[in-house]
PDB file of N, CA and C in Angstrom:
ATOM      1  N   MET A   1       0.428  -1.437   0.027  1.00  0.00           N
ATOM      2  CA  MET A   1      -0.081  -0.345  -0.085  1.00  0.00           C
ATOM      3  C   MET A   1       0.931   0.933  -0.177  1.00  0.00           C
ATOM      4  N   GLU A   2       0.783   2.097  -1.289  1.00  0.00           N
ATOM      5  CA  GLU A   2       1.715   3.485  -0.831  1.00  0.00           C
ATOM      6  C   GLU A   2       0.463   4.450   0.109  1.00  0.00           C
ATOM      7  N   GLU A   3       1.747   5.264   0.392  1.00  0.00           N
ATOM      8  CA  GLU A   3       0.732   6.253   1.559  1.00  0.00           C
ATOM      9  C   GLU A   3       0.035   7.059   0.657  1.00  0.00           C
ATOM     10  N   ASN A   4       0.134   7.153  -0.177  1.00  0.00           N
ATOM     11  CA  ASN A   4      -1.155   8.085  -1.118  1.00  0.00           C
ATOM     12  C   ASN A   4      -2.398   7.488  -1.450  1.00  0.00           C
ATOM     13  N   GLN A   5      -2.646   6.628  -1.285  1.00  0.00           N
ATOM     14  CA  GLN A   5      -3.392   5.159  -2.007  1.00  0.00           C
ATOM     15  C   GLN A   5      -4.693   5.736  -0.687  1.00  0.00           C
ATOM     16  N   GLN A   6      -5.577   5.579  -1.183  1.00  0.00           N
ATOM     17  CA  GLN A   6      -6.804   6.155  -0.715  1.00  0.00           C
ATOM     18  C   GLN A   6      -7.073   5.024   0.563  1.00  0.00           C
ATOM     19  N   VAL A   7      -8.058   5.301   1.398  1.00  0.00           N
ATOM     20  CA  VAL A   7      -8.074   4.139   2.352  1.00  0.00           C
ATOM     21  C   VAL A   7      -9.387   3.736   2.827  1.00  0.00           C
ATOM     22  N   LYS A   8      -9.941   2.831   2.603  1.00  0.00           N
ATOM     23  CA  LYS A   8     -11.073   2.282   2.844  1.00  0.00           C
ATOM     24  C   LYS A   8     -11.794   1.955   4.025  1.00  0.00           C
ATOM     25  N   VAL A   9     -12.522   3.103   4.732  1.00  0.00           N
ATOM     26  CA  VAL A   9     -12.714   2.202   6.462  1.00  0.00           C
ATOM     27  C   VAL A   9     -14.435   2.150   6.288  1.00  0.00           C
ATOM     28  N   VAL A  10     -14.699   1.054   6.995  1.00  0.00           N
ATOM     29  CA  VAL A  10     -15.597   0.228   7.154  1.00  0.00           C
ATOM     30  C   VAL A  10     -16.212   0.621   8.369  1.00  0.00           C
ATOM     31  N   HIS A  11     -17.371   0.807   8.515  1.00  0.00           N
ATOM     32  CA  HIS A  11     -17.883   1.088  10.341  1.00  0.00           C
ATOM     33  C   HIS A  11     -18.914  -0.574   9.935  1.00  0.00           C
ATOM     34  N   ASN A  12     -18.306  -1.163  11.294  1.00  0.00           N
ATOM     35  CA  ASN A  12     -18.506  -2.812  11.053  1.00  0.00           C
ATOM     36  C   ASN A  12     -19.832  -2.377  13.038  1.00  0.00           C
ATOM     37  N   VAL A  13     -20.670  -2.202  12.296  1.00  0.00           N
ATOM     38  CA  VAL A  13     -21.775  -1.953  13.373  1.00  0.00           C
ATOM     39  C   VAL A  13     -21.846  -3.305  14.548  1.00  0.00           C
ATOM     40  N   ASP A  14     -21.649  -4.486  13.598  1.00  0.00           N
ATOM     41  CA  ASP A  14     -22.020  -5.597  14.871  1.00  0.00           C
ATOM     42  C   ASP A  14     -20.900  -5.918  15.696  1.00  0.00           C
ATOM     43  N   GLN A  15     -19.689  -5.574  15.138  1.00  0.00           N
ATOM     44  CA  GLN A  15     -18.707  -5.702  16.126  1.00  0.00           C
ATOM     45  C   GLN A  15     -17.956  -4.445  16.522  1.00  0.00           C
ATOM     46  N   LEU A  16     -18.387  -2.965  16.393  1.00  0.00           N
ATOM     47  CA  LEU A  16     -18.321  -2.120  17.157  1.00  0.00           C
ATOM     48  C   LEU A  16     -16.681  -1.826  17.070  1.00  0.00           C
ATOM     49  N   ARG A  17     -16.520  -1.361  15.707  1.00  0.00           N
ATOM     50  CA  ARG A  17     -15.145  -0.809  15.329  1.00  0.00           C
ATOM     51  C   ARG A  17     -15.572  -0.366  14.260  1.00  0.00           C
ATOM     52  N   PHE A  18     -14.189   0.121  13.444  1.00  0.00           N
ATOM     53  CA  PHE A  18     -13.965   0.863  12.616  1.00  0.00           C
ATOM     54  C   PHE A  18     -12.944   0.236  12.396  1.00  0.00           C
ATOM     55  N   GLN A  19     -13.188  -0.022  10.209  1.00  0.00           N
ATOM     56  CA  GLN A  19     -11.847  -1.241  10.134  1.00  0.00           C
ATOM     57  C   GLN A  19     -11.510  -1.165   8.638  1.00  0.00           C
ATOM     58  N   VAL A  20     -10.408  -1.660   8.797  1.00  0.00           N
ATOM     59  CA  VAL A  20      -9.945  -1.546   7.112  1.00  0.00           C
ATOM     60  C   VAL A  20      -9.031  -2.759   6.894  1.00  0.00           C
ATOM     61  N   GLU A  21      -9.490  -3.264   5.703  1.00  0.00           N
ATOM     62  CA  GLU A  21      -9.415  -4.562   5.666  1.00  0.00           C
ATOM     63  C   GLU A  21      -7.590  -4.660   4.999  1.00  0.00           C
ATOM     64  N   LEU A  22      -6.698  -4.896   5.465  1.00  0.00           N
ATOM     65  CA  LEU A  22      -5.606  -5.252   4.616  1.00  0.00           C
ATOM     66  C   LEU A  22      -4.353  -6.494   4.056  1.00  0.00           C
ATOM     67  N   GLN A  23      -5.114  -6.880   2.701  1.00  0.00           N
ATOM     68  CA  GLN A  23      -4.498  -8.217   2.310  1.00  0.00           C
ATOM     69  C   GLN A  23      -5.172  -9.419   3.669  1.00  0.00           C
ATOM     70  N   GLY A  24      -5.968  -9.654   4.144  1.00  0.00           N
ATOM     71  CA  GLY A  24      -6.420 -10.428   4.661  1.00  0.00           C
ATOM     72  C   GLY A  24      -6.519 -10.184   6.027  1.00  0.00           C
ATOM     73  N   GLU A  25      -5.865  -9.062   6.416  1.00  0.00           N
ATOM     74  CA  GLU A  25      -5.626  -8.621   7.849  1.00  0.00           C
ATOM     75  C   GLU A  25      -6.450  -7.382   8.340  1.00  0.00           C
ATOM     76  N   TYR A  26      -6.973  -7.267   9.444  1.00  0.00           N
ATOM     77  CA  TYR A  26      -7.591  -5.709   9.657  1.00  0.00           C
ATOM     78  C   TYR A  26      -7.144  -4.741  10.712  1.00  0.00           C
ATOM     79  N   ALA A  27      -7.004  -3.859  10.360  1.00  0.00           N
ATOM     80  CA  ALA A  27      -6.555  -2.348  11.230  1.00  0.00           C
ATOM     81  C   ALA A  27      -8.002  -1.868  11.610  1.00  0.00           C
ATOM     82  N   THR A  28      -8.196  -1.681  13.320  1.00  0.00           N
ATOM     83  CA  THR A  28      -9.399  -1.647  13.426  1.00  0.00           C
ATOM     84  C   THR A  28      -9.369  -0.549  14.779  1.00  0.00           C
ATOM     85  N   ILE A  29     -10.015   0.236  14.991  1.00  0.00           N
ATOM     86  CA  ILE A  29     -10.675   0.917  16.031  1.00  0.00           C
ATOM     87  C   ILE A  29     -11.471   0.349  16.646  1.00  0.00           C
ATOM     88  N   GLU A  30     -11.966  -0.057  17.443  1.00  0.00           N
ATOM     89  CA  GLU A  30     -12.753  -0.671  18.877  1.00  0.00           C
ATOM     90  C   GLU A  30     -13.072   0.309  19.748  1.00  0.00           C
ATOM     91  N   TYR A  31     -14.594   0.634  19.473  1.00  0.00           N
ATOM     92  CA  TYR A  31     -15.658   1.541  20.207  1.00  0.00           C
ATOM     93  C   TYR A  31     -16.579   0.685  21.174  1.00  0.00           C
ATOM     94  N   ARG A  32     -17.165   1.570  22.472  1.00  0.00           N
ATOM     95  CA  ARG A  32     -18.541   0.804  23.189  1.00  0.00           C
ATOM     96  C   ARG A  32     -19.286   2.180  23.330  1.00  0.00           C
ATOM     97  N   TYR A  33     -20.492   1.781  23.496  1.00  0.00           N
ATOM     98  CA  TYR A  33     -21.314   2.929  24.214  1.00  0.00           C
ATOM     99  C   TYR A  33     -21.279   3.059  25.547  1.00  0.00           C
ATOM    100  N   TYR A  34     -21.198   4.126  25.966  1.00  0.00           N
ATOM    101  CA  TYR A  34     -20.742   4.190  27.903  1.00  0.00           C
ATOM    102  C   TYR A  34     -22.151   5.284  27.802  1.00  0.00           C
ATOM    103  N   LYS A  35     -22.952   4.926  28.607  1.00  0.00           N
ATOM    104  CA  LYS A  35     -24.001   6.635  28.240  1.00  0.00           C
ATOM    105  C   LYS A  35     -24.633   6.569  27.630  1.00  0.00           C
ATOM    106  N   LYS A  36     -24.255   8.024  27.443  1.00  0.00           N
ATOM    107  CA  LYS A  36     -24.746   8.670  26.258  1.00  0.00           C
ATOM    108  C   LYS A  36     -23.424   9.168  25.227  1.00  0.00           C
ATOM    109  N   ASN A  37     -22.508   8.678  25.395  1.00  0.00           N
ATOM    110  CA  ASN A  37     -21.097   8.376  24.851  1.00  0.00           C
ATOM    111  C   ASN A  37     -20.695   7.762  23.971  1.00  0.00           C
ATOM    112  N   ILE A  38     -19.360   7.985  23.092  1.00  0.00           N
ATOM    113  CA  ILE A  38     -18.454   6.628  22.580  1.00  0.00           C
ATOM    114  C   ILE A  38     -17.151   6.633  23.093  1.00  0.00           C
ATOM    115  N   ALA A  39     -17.046   5.539  23.851  1.00  0.00           N
ATOM    116  CA  ALA A  39     -15.581   5.301  24.327  1.00  0.00           C
ATOM    117  C   ALA A  39     -14.906   4.421  23.184  1.00  0.00           C
ATOM    118  N   PHE A  40     -14.189   5.329  22.527  1.00  0.00           N
ATOM    119  CA  PHE A  40     -12.809   4.993  21.678  1.00  0.00           C
ATOM    120  C   PHE A  40     -11.757   4.299  22.817  1.00  0.00           C
ATOM    121  N   MET A  41     -11.438   2.550  22.591  1.00  0.00           N
ATOM    122  CA  MET A  41     -10.694   1.594  23.402  1.00  0.00           C
ATOM    123  C   MET A  41      -9.830   1.153  22.940  1.00  0.00           C
ATOM    124  N   HIS A  42      -9.659   0.853  21.719  1.00  0.00           N
ATOM    125  CA  HIS A  42      -8.206   0.389  21.124  1.00  0.00           C
ATOM    126  C   HIS A  42      -7.969   0.663  19.923  1.00  0.00           C
ATOM    127  N   THR A  43      -6.868   1.295  19.391  1.00  0.00           N
ATOM    128  CA  THR A  43      -6.516   0.365  17.758  1.00  0.00           C
ATOM    129  C   THR A  43      -5.406  -0.432  17.504  1.00  0.00           C
ATOM    130  N   THR A  44      -5.803  -1.069  16.442  1.00  0.00           N
ATOM    131  CA  THR A  44      -4.869  -2.039  16.225  1.00  0.00           C
ATOM    132  C   THR A  44      -4.588  -1.770  14.522  1.00  0.00           C
ATOM    133  N   VAL A  45      -3.301  -1.868  14.410  1.00  0.00           N
ATOM    134  CA  VAL A  45      -2.407  -1.841  12.860  1.00  0.00           C
ATOM    135  C   VAL A  45      -1.819  -2.847  12.278  1.00  0.00           C
ATOM    136  N   PRO A  46      -2.151  -3.722  11.270  1.00  0.00           N
ATOM    137  CA  PRO A  46      -0.781  -4.796  11.786  1.00  0.00           C
ATOM    138  C   PRO A  46       0.493  -4.134  10.821  1.00  0.00           C
ATOM    139  N   ASP A  47       1.590  -4.681  11.327  1.00  0.00           N
ATOM    140  CA  ASP A  47       3.140  -3.864  11.461  1.00  0.00           C
ATOM    141  C   ASP A  47       2.899  -3.845  10.337  1.00  0.00           C
ATOM    142  N   ALA A  48       2.768  -4.569   9.016  1.00  0.00           N
ATOM    143  CA  ALA A  48       3.370  -4.153   7.663  1.00  0.00           C
ATOM    144  C   ALA A  48       2.601  -2.602   7.305  1.00  0.00           C
ATOM    145  N   PHE A  49       1.515  -2.156   7.646  1.00  0.00           N
ATOM    146  CA  PHE A  49       0.483  -1.281   7.485  1.00  0.00           C
ATOM    147  C   PHE A  49       0.954   0.618   7.805  1.00  0.00           C
ATOM    148  N   ARG A  50       1.699   0.184   9.319  1.00  0.00           N
ATOM    149  CA  ARG A  50       2.067   1.011   9.806  1.00  0.00           C
ATOM    150  C   ARG A  50       2.771   2.151   9.403  1.00  0.00           C
ATOM    151  N   GLY A  51       2.026   3.841   9.647  1.00  0.00           N
ATOM    152  CA  GLY A  51       2.917   5.043   9.103  1.00  0.00           C
ATOM    153  C   GLY A  51       2.484   4.787   7.830  1.00  0.00           C
ATOM    154  N   LYS A  52       1.331   4.437   7.266  1.00  0.00           N
ATOM    155  CA  LYS A  52       0.833   4.680   5.927  1.00  0.00           C
ATOM    156  C   LYS A  52      -0.540   5.764   6.250  1.00  0.00           C
ATOM    157  N   GLY A  53      -1.097   5.733   7.311  1.00  0.00           N
ATOM    158  CA  GLY A  53      -2.290   6.737   7.699  1.00  0.00           C
ATOM    159  C   GLY A  53      -4.063   5.948   7.531  1.00  0.00           C
ATOM    160  N   VAL A  54      -3.401   4.750   7.795  1.00  0.00           N
ATOM    161  CA  VAL A  54      -4.361   3.870   7.830  1.00  0.00           C
ATOM    162  C   VAL A  54      -4.945   3.975   9.741  1.00  0.00           C
ATOM    163  N   ALA A  55      -4.417   4.498  10.703  1.00  0.00           N
ATOM    164  CA  ALA A  55      -4.753   4.569  11.559  1.00  0.00           C
ATOM    165  C   ALA A  55      -5.817   5.850  12.149  1.00  0.00           C
ATOM    166  N   ALA A  56      -4.666   7.111  10.690  1.00  0.00           N
ATOM    167  CA  ALA A  56      -5.204   8.167  10.733  1.00  0.00           C
ATOM    168  C   ALA A  56      -6.877   8.423  10.189  1.00  0.00           C
ATOM    169  N   ALA A  57      -6.858   8.031   9.089  1.00  0.00           N
ATOM    170  CA  ALA A  57      -8.138   7.368   8.517  1.00  0.00           C
ATOM    171  C   ALA A  57      -8.943   6.585   9.353  1.00  0.00           C
ATOM    172  N   MET A  58      -8.722   5.991   9.803  1.00  0.00           N
ATOM    173  CA  MET A  58      -9.951   5.000  10.943  1.00  0.00           C
ATOM    174  C   MET A  58     -10.498   6.609  11.974  1.00  0.00           C
ATOM    175  N   ALA A  59      -9.553   7.338  12.577  1.00  0.00           N
ATOM    176  CA  ALA A  59      -9.629   7.782  13.410  1.00  0.00           C
ATOM    177  C   ALA A  59     -10.719   8.972  12.972  1.00  0.00           C
ATOM    178  N   VAL A  60     -10.547   9.516  12.146  1.00  0.00           N
ATOM    179  CA  VAL A  60     -11.231  10.474  11.195  1.00  0.00           C
ATOM    180  C   VAL A  60     -12.514  10.113  10.907  1.00  0.00           C
ATOM    181  N   ALA A  61     -12.909   8.815  10.693  1.00  0.00           N
ATOM    182  CA  ALA A  61     -14.347   8.582   9.824  1.00  0.00           C
ATOM    183  C   ALA A  61     -14.632   7.667  11.391  1.00  0.00           C
ATOM    184  N   ALA A  62     -14.107   7.240  12.527  1.00  0.00           N
ATOM    185  CA  ALA A  62     -14.593   7.403  14.193  1.00  0.00           C
ATOM    186  C   ALA A  62     -15.288   8.388  14.644  1.00  0.00           C
ATOM    187  N   LEU A  63     -14.453   9.840  14.677  1.00  0.00           N
ATOM    188  CA  LEU A  63     -15.086  10.464  15.051  1.00  0.00           C
ATOM    189  C   LEU A  63     -15.850  11.820  14.516  1.00  0.00           C
ATOM    190  N   ASN A  64     -15.803  11.487  13.025  1.00  0.00           N
ATOM    191  CA  ASN A  64     -17.012  12.076  12.406  1.00  0.00           C
ATOM    192  C   ASN A  64     -18.266  11.222  12.561  1.00  0.00           C
ATOM    193  N   PHE A  65     -18.163   9.590  12.863  1.00  0.00           N
ATOM    194  CA  PHE A  65     -19.522   9.260  13.383  1.00  0.00           C
ATOM    195  C   PHE A  65     -20.064   9.941  14.583  1.00  0.00           C
ATOM    196  N   ALA A  66     -19.232  10.003  15.633  1.00  0.00           N
ATOM    197  CA  ALA A  66     -19.636  10.630  17.116  1.00  0.00           C
ATOM    198  C   ALA A  66     -19.955  11.944  16.726  1.00  0.00           C
ATOM    199  N   GLN A  67     -19.386  12.734  15.797  1.00  0.00           N
ATOM    200  CA  GLN A  67     -20.077  14.033  15.696  1.00  0.00           C
ATOM    201  C   GLN A  67     -21.491  14.103  14.593  1.00  0.00           C
ATOM    202  N   ALA A  68     -21.457  12.955  13.543  1.00  0.00           N
ATOM    203  CA  ALA A  68     -23.052  12.618  13.362  1.00  0.00           C
ATOM    204  C   ALA A  68     -24.080  12.067  14.196  1.00  0.00           C
ATOM    205  N   GLU A  69     -23.661  11.344  15.127  1.00  0.00           N
ATOM    206  CA  GLU A  69     -24.839  11.164  16.108  1.00  0.00           C
ATOM    207  C   GLU A  69     -24.885  11.904  17.455  1.00  0.00           C
ATOM    208  N   HIS A  70     -23.967  13.047  17.587  1.00  0.00           N
ATOM    209  CA  HIS A  70     -24.384  13.929  18.445  1.00  0.00           C
ATOM    210  C   HIS A  70     -23.988  13.496  19.776  1.00  0.00           C
ATOM    211  N   ARG A  71     -22.829  12.867  19.884  1.00  0.00           N
ATOM    212  CA  ARG A  71     -22.423  12.027  21.159  1.00  0.00           C
ATOM    213  C   ARG A  71     -20.966  12.638  21.434  1.00  0.00           C
ATOM    214  N   LYS A  72     -21.220  12.378  22.853  1.00  0.00           N
ATOM    215  CA  LYS A  72     -19.450  13.237  23.111  1.00  0.00           C
ATOM    216  C   LYS A  72     -19.146  12.006  23.182  1.00  0.00           C
ATOM    217  N   ILE A  73     -17.289  11.825  23.254  1.00  0.00           N
ATOM    218  CA  ILE A  73     -16.584  10.757  22.987  1.00  0.00           C
ATOM    219  C   ILE A  73     -15.842  10.424  24.564  1.00  0.00           C
ATOM    220  N   MET A  74     -15.166   9.583  24.902  1.00  0.00           N
ATOM    221  CA  MET A  74     -14.407   9.020  25.800  1.00  0.00           C
ATOM    222  C   MET A  74     -13.070   8.664  24.917  1.00  0.00           C
ATOM    223  N   LEU A  75     -11.883   8.850  25.591  1.00  0.00           N
ATOM    224  CA  LEU A  75     -11.029   8.287  25.480  1.00  0.00           C
ATOM    225  C   LEU A  75     -10.015   7.378  25.816  1.00  0.00           C
ATOM    226  N   TYR A  76     -10.071   6.111  25.959  1.00  0.00           N
ATOM    227  CA  TYR A  76      -9.266   4.766  26.448  1.00  0.00           C
ATOM    228  C   TYR A  76      -8.149   5.095  25.916  1.00  0.00           C
ATOM    229  N   CYS A  77      -8.133   4.961  24.523  1.00  0.00           N
ATOM    230  CA  CYS A  77      -7.081   4.624  23.447  1.00  0.00           C
ATOM    231  C   CYS A  77      -6.003   5.620  23.496  1.00  0.00           C
ATOM    232  N   PRO A  78      -4.699   5.231  23.446  1.00  0.00           N
ATOM    233  CA  PRO A  78      -3.704   5.998  23.363  1.00  0.00           C
ATOM    234  C   PRO A  78      -3.757   7.038  21.870  1.00  0.00           C
ATOM    235  N   PHE A  79      -3.921   6.197  21.016  1.00  0.00           N
ATOM    236  CA  PHE A  79      -4.216   6.474  19.834  1.00  0.00           C
ATOM    237  C   PHE A  79      -4.787   7.940  19.359  1.00  0.00           C
ATOM    238  N   VAL A  80      -5.981   7.376  19.874  1.00  0.00           N
ATOM    239  CA  VAL A  80      -7.649   8.025  19.288  1.00  0.00           C
ATOM    240  C   VAL A  80      -6.848   9.423  19.758  1.00  0.00           C
ATOM    241  N   ALA A  81      -6.880   9.452  21.709  1.00  0.00           N
ATOM    242  CA  ALA A  81      -6.546  10.395  22.414  1.00  0.00           C
ATOM    243  C   ALA A  81      -5.861  11.893  22.133  1.00  0.00           C
ATOM    244  N   LYS A  82      -4.209  10.837  21.224  1.00  0.00           N
ATOM    245  CA  LYS A  82      -3.303  11.646  20.959  1.00  0.00           C
ATOM    246  C   LYS A  82      -3.794  12.548  19.290  1.00  0.00           C
ATOM    247  N   TYR A  83      -4.709  11.107  18.732  1.00  0.00           N
ATOM    248  CA  TYR A  83      -5.099  12.172  17.547  1.00  0.00           C
ATOM    249  C   TYR A  83      -6.116  13.275  17.503  1.00  0.00           C
ATOM    250  N   VAL A  84      -7.077  13.434  18.761  1.00  0.00           N
ATOM    251  CA  VAL A  84      -8.306  14.440  19.184  1.00  0.00           C
ATOM    252  C   VAL A  84      -7.046  15.669  19.660  1.00  0.00           C
ATOM    253  N   ARG A  85      -5.900  15.022  20.524  1.00  0.00           N
ATOM    254  CA  ARG A  85      -5.431  16.487  20.716  1.00  0.00           C
ATOM    255  C   ARG A  85      -4.856  16.950  20.140  1.00  0.00           C
ATOM    256  N   GLU A  86      -3.913  16.394  18.932  1.00  0.00           N
ATOM    257  CA  GLU A  86      -3.444  16.844  17.597  1.00  0.00           C
ATOM    258  C   GLU A  86      -4.732  18.116  16.430  1.00  0.00           C
ATOM    259  N   HIS A  87      -5.847  17.737  16.816  1.00  0.00           N
ATOM    260  CA  HIS A  87      -7.184  18.106  15.707  1.00  0.00           C
ATOM    261  C   HIS A  87      -7.889  18.635  16.481  1.00  0.00           C
ATOM    262  N   PRO A  88      -7.531  20.065  16.892  1.00  0.00           N
ATOM    263  CA  PRO A  88      -8.680  21.310  17.743  1.00  0.00           C
ATOM    264  C   PRO A  88     -10.242  20.818  17.062  1.00  0.00           C
ATOM    265  N   GLU A  89     -10.425  20.664  15.660  1.00  0.00           N
ATOM    266  CA  GLU A  89     -11.694  20.619  15.114  1.00  0.00           C
ATOM    267  C   GLU A  89     -12.647  19.360  15.897  1.00  0.00           C
ATOM    268  N   TYR A  90     -11.765  18.143  16.839  1.00  0.00           N
ATOM    269  CA  TYR A  90     -12.491  17.310  17.305  1.00  0.00           C
ATOM    270  C   TYR A  90     -12.536  17.811  18.746  1.00  0.00           C
ATOM    271  N   HIS A  91     -11.867  18.634  19.242  1.00  0.00           N
ATOM    272  CA  HIS A  91     -11.629  18.658  20.789  1.00  0.00           C
ATOM    273  C   HIS A  91     -13.197  18.821  21.578  1.00  0.00           C
ATOM    274  N   ALA A  92     -14.215  19.895  20.647  1.00  0.00           N
ATOM    275  CA  ALA A  92     -15.582  19.930  21.376  1.00  0.00           C
ATOM    276  C   ALA A  92     -16.516  18.433  21.754  1.00  0.00           C
ATOM    277  N   LEU A  93     -15.864  17.086  21.217  1.00  0.00           N
ATOM    278  CA  LEU A  93     -16.629  16.294  21.148  1.00  0.00           C
ATOM    279  C   LEU A  93     -16.433  15.778  22.608  1.00  0.00           C
ATOM    280  N   VAL A  94     -15.046  15.850  23.265  1.00  0.00           N
ATOM    281  CA  VAL A  94     -14.571  15.070  24.126  1.00  0.00           C
ATOM    282  C   VAL A  94     -15.313  15.487  25.551  1.00  0.00           C
ATOM    283  N   ASP A  95     -15.754  14.025  26.129  1.00  0.00           N
ATOM    284  CA  ASP A  95     -17.087  14.479  27.553  1.00  0.00           C
ATOM    285  C   ASP A  95     -15.781  15.067  28.430  1.00  0.00           C
ATOM    286  N   THR A  96     -15.544  16.294  28.570  1.00  0.00           N
ATOM    287  CA  THR A  96     -15.276  16.532  30.090  1.00  0.00           C
ATOM    288  C   THR A  96     -15.035  16.340  31.233  1.00  0.00           C
ATOM    289  N   ALA A  97     -16.360  15.651  31.663  1.00  0.00           N
ATOM    290  CA  ALA A  97     -16.654  15.146  32.879  1.00  0.00           C
ATOM    291  C   ALA A  97     -15.562  13.809  32.900  1.00  0.00           C
ATOM    292  N   TYR A  98     -15.134  13.434  31.896  1.00  0.00           N
ATOM    293  CA  TYR A  98     -14.319  12.034  32.280  1.00  0.00           C
ATOM    294  C   TYR A  98     -12.547  12.761  31.782  1.00  0.00           C
ATOM    295  N   HIS A  99     -12.619  13.344  31.034  1.00  0.00           N
ATOM    296  CA  HIS A  99     -11.631  14.472  30.256  1.00  0.00           C
ATOM    297  C   HIS A  99     -11.198  15.444  30.647  1.00  0.00           C
ATOM    298  N   PRO A 100     -10.986  15.801  31.941  1.00  0.00           N
ATOM    299  CA  PRO A 100     -11.202  17.625  32.128  1.00  0.00           C
ATOM    300  C   PRO A 100      -9.934  18.475  31.537  1.00  0.00           C
ATOM    301  N   SER A 101      -8.870  17.841  31.207  1.00  0.00           N
ATOM    302  CA  SER A 101      -7.911  18.151  30.947  1.00  0.00           C
ATOM    303  C   SER A 101      -8.277  18.787  29.249  1.00  0.00           C
ATOM    304  N   PHE A 102      -8.915  18.120  28.672  1.00  0.00           N
ATOM    305  CA  PHE A 102      -9.729  18.581  27.568  1.00  0.00           C
ATOM    306  C   PHE A 102     -10.425  19.922  27.516  1.00  0.00           C
ATOM    307  N   GLY A 103     -11.249  20.368  28.496  1.00  0.00           N
ATOM    308  CA  GLY A 103     -11.755  21.503  28.808  1.00  0.00           C
ATOM    309  C   GLY A 103     -11.164  22.825  28.799  1.00  0.00           C
ATOM    310  N   LYS A 104      -9.232  22.738  28.995  1.00  0.00           N
ATOM    311  CA  LYS A 104      -8.598  23.923  29.301  1.00  0.00           C
ATOM    312  C   LYS A 104      -8.239  24.061  27.511  1.00  0.00           C
ATOM    313  N   LEU A 105      -8.397  22.834  26.611  1.00  0.00           N
ATOM    314  CA  LEU A 105      -8.168  22.949  25.343  1.00  0.00           C
ATOM    315  C   LEU A 105      -9.231  23.863  24.460  1.00  0.00           C
ATOM    316  N   HIS A 106     -10.265  23.310  24.932  1.00  0.00           N
ATOM    317  CA  HIS A 106     -11.151  23.766  24.475  1.00  0.00           C
ATOM    318  C   HIS A 106     -12.896  24.616  24.957  1.00  0.00           C
ATOM    319  N   PRO A 107     -12.481  25.518  25.356  1.00  0.00           N
ATOM    320  CA  PRO A 107     -13.418  26.335  26.807  1.00  0.00           C
ATOM    321  C   PRO A 107     -14.822  26.423  26.069  1.00  0.00           C
TER     322      PRO A 107
END
């Protein structure tokens, strides 16, 4: 996979994850519903596909889904948390009751 190749992210509703199939393997961002929030739990990308924007493409799809559903997010996954910190357009999605440091980033 070349770095500029389009990444096709699929929302697997049954397994509560966003995924990209990569030559029979899957990169995933797993989530759970908690109260009225979406909690992002874990990101996995096969070693051969790291550094090619796959995780970032899944993060965008996952965060845009949360935004479209009008849900706040909880960040247990270090990758998604870092991605949100680096992209201010998603700061308002964070439930600051669970992540008070984000309240300082986005008043």
